[in-house]
């Protein structure tokens, strides 16, 4: 097994406006992309658990084979830049995905 961070060529997070976070995962080749997708590790339940998201907070997981990428979008608990926000740019939110084991 490998971790997701070992397989991905890019694993990042960013704001998608002040109220959303987007997680992007890209791969260098089709075989690796398909391995991750077919592993069924990136499920809505797993993402909600990793990010402690309430029902309805996860907006979606999009698998886009043409770009060898996966996009996950969820609602932020606190809007970007307001009091209590610890990551204004949403740039450190990909960390929980890094050590997911992919068979």
Protein backbone atom coordinates (compact mmCIF):
# COMPACT_ATOMS: atom_id res chain seq x y z
CA UNK A 1 0.00 0.00 0.00
CA UNK A 2 1.00 3.59 -0.61
CA UNK A 3 -0.16 6.83 0.93
CA UNK A 4 -2.12 9.27 -1.18
CA UNK A 5 0.66 11.85 -0.94
CA UNK A 6 3.11 9.31 -2.41
CA UNK A 7 0.84 8.69 -5.41
CA UNK A 8 -0.35 12.22 -6.15
CA UNK A 9 1.70 14.61 -8.24
CA UNK A 10 -0.19 17.47 -6.59
CA UNK A 11 -2.24 17.49 -3.41
CA UNK A 12 -3.45 20.93 -2.38
CA UNK A 13 -6.24 22.91 -0.80
CA UNK A 14 -7.48 26.42 -1.42
CA UNK A 15 -10.39 28.74 -0.89
CA UNK A 16 -13.20 28.50 -3.33
CA UNK A 17 -14.62 31.82 -2.26
CA UNK A 18 -14.89 32.90 1.39
CA UNK A 19 -17.24 30.10 2.41
CA UNK A 20 -15.84 27.00 0.67
CA UNK A 21 -12.65 24.93 0.64
CA UNK A 22 -11.58 22.90 -2.38
CA UNK A 23 -9.17 19.99 -2.16
CA UNK A 24 -7.42 19.07 -5.43
CA UNK A 25 -5.63 15.81 -6.13
CA UNK A 26 -3.80 15.31 -9.43
CA UNK A 27 -1.85 12.37 -10.81
CA UNK A 28 0.85 11.95 -13.44
CA UNK A 29 -0.64 8.92 -15.16
CA UNK A 30 -3.95 7.20 -15.83
CA UNK A 31 -3.01 3.98 -14.05
CA UNK A 32 -2.34 5.75 -10.76
CA UNK A 33 -5.48 7.88 -11.08
CA UNK A 34 -7.60 4.76 -11.68
CA UNK A 35 -5.91 2.92 -8.82
CA UNK A 36 -6.96 5.66 -6.40
CA UNK A 37 -10.49 5.97 -7.79
CA UNK A 38 -11.08 2.21 -7.87
CA UNK A 39 -9.78 1.80 -4.32
CA UNK A 40 -12.97 3.48 -3.06
CA UNK A 41 -10.95 5.15 -0.31
CA UNK A 42 -12.19 8.65 -1.19
CA UNK A 43 -15.82 8.27 -0.19
CA UNK A 44 -18.16 10.92 1.15
CA UNK A 45 -18.23 9.16 4.52
CA UNK A 46 -14.42 9.07 4.75
CA UNK A 47 -14.10 12.77 3.83
CA UNK A 48 -16.79 13.78 6.33
CA UNK A 49 -14.97 11.81 9.03
CA UNK A 50 -11.49 13.15 8.18
CA UNK A 51 -12.71 16.74 8.17
CA UNK A 52 -15.33 16.40 10.90
CA UNK A 53 -18.02 17.67 8.53
CA UNK A 54 -21.71 17.75 9.36
CA UNK A 55 -24.26 16.20 7.04
CA UNK A 56 -24.70 18.51 4.04
CA UNK A 57 -21.41 20.32 4.58
CA UNK A 58 -19.61 18.22 1.96
CA UNK A 59 -20.74 19.55 -1.40
CA UNK A 60 -19.19 16.88 -3.57
CA UNK A 61 -16.38 14.72 -4.80
CA UNK A 62 -15.74 15.04 -8.53
CA UNK A 63 -13.63 12.45 -10.34
CA UNK A 64 -12.37 13.96 -13.60
CA UNK A 65 -10.42 11.39 -15.57
CA UNK A 66 -9.62 13.72 -18.49
CA UNK A 67 -7.55 15.87 -16.10
CA UNK A 68 -6.35 12.91 -13.99
CA UNK A 69 -7.80 14.79 -11.05
CA UNK A 70 -10.18 14.65 -8.13
CA UNK A 71 -11.86 17.72 -6.64
CA UNK A 72 -13.50 17.73 -3.21
CA UNK A 73 -15.46 20.79 -2.05
CA UNK A 74 -16.91 21.47 1.37
CA UNK A 75 -18.37 24.38 3.32
CA UNK A 76 -16.06 26.09 5.80
CA UNK A 77 -17.10 26.26 9.46
CA UNK A 78 -15.88 29.87 9.63
CA UNK A 79 -15.70 32.16 6.62
CA UNK A 80 -12.26 33.15 5.40
CA UNK A 81 -10.72 36.06 7.28
CA UNK A 82 -13.24 36.30 10.09
CA UNK A 83 -12.42 36.08 13.77
CA UNK A 84 -11.42 32.51 14.62
CA UNK A 85 -10.30 31.59 11.11
CA UNK A 86 -6.94 29.82 11.34
CA UNK A 87 -6.23 29.46 7.60
CA UNK A 88 -7.33 32.52 5.64
CA UNK A 89 -6.31 31.07 2.26
CA UNK A 90 -7.43 27.50 2.96
CA UNK A 91 -3.94 26.41 1.94
CA UNK A 92 -3.27 23.97 4.80
CA UNK A 93 -6.43 21.89 4.66
CA UNK A 94 -5.13 19.04 2.50
CA UNK A 95 -3.08 17.50 5.33
CA UNK A 96 -5.73 14.96 6.49
CA UNK A 97 -5.65 13.38 3.01
CA UNK A 98 -1.90 12.89 2.91
CA UNK A 99 -1.63 9.65 4.84
CA UNK A 100 -4.70 7.87 3.48
CA UNK A 101 -3.62 4.36 2.51
CA UNK A 102 -4.37 3.31 -1.05
CA UNK A 103 -4.31 -0.43 -1.77
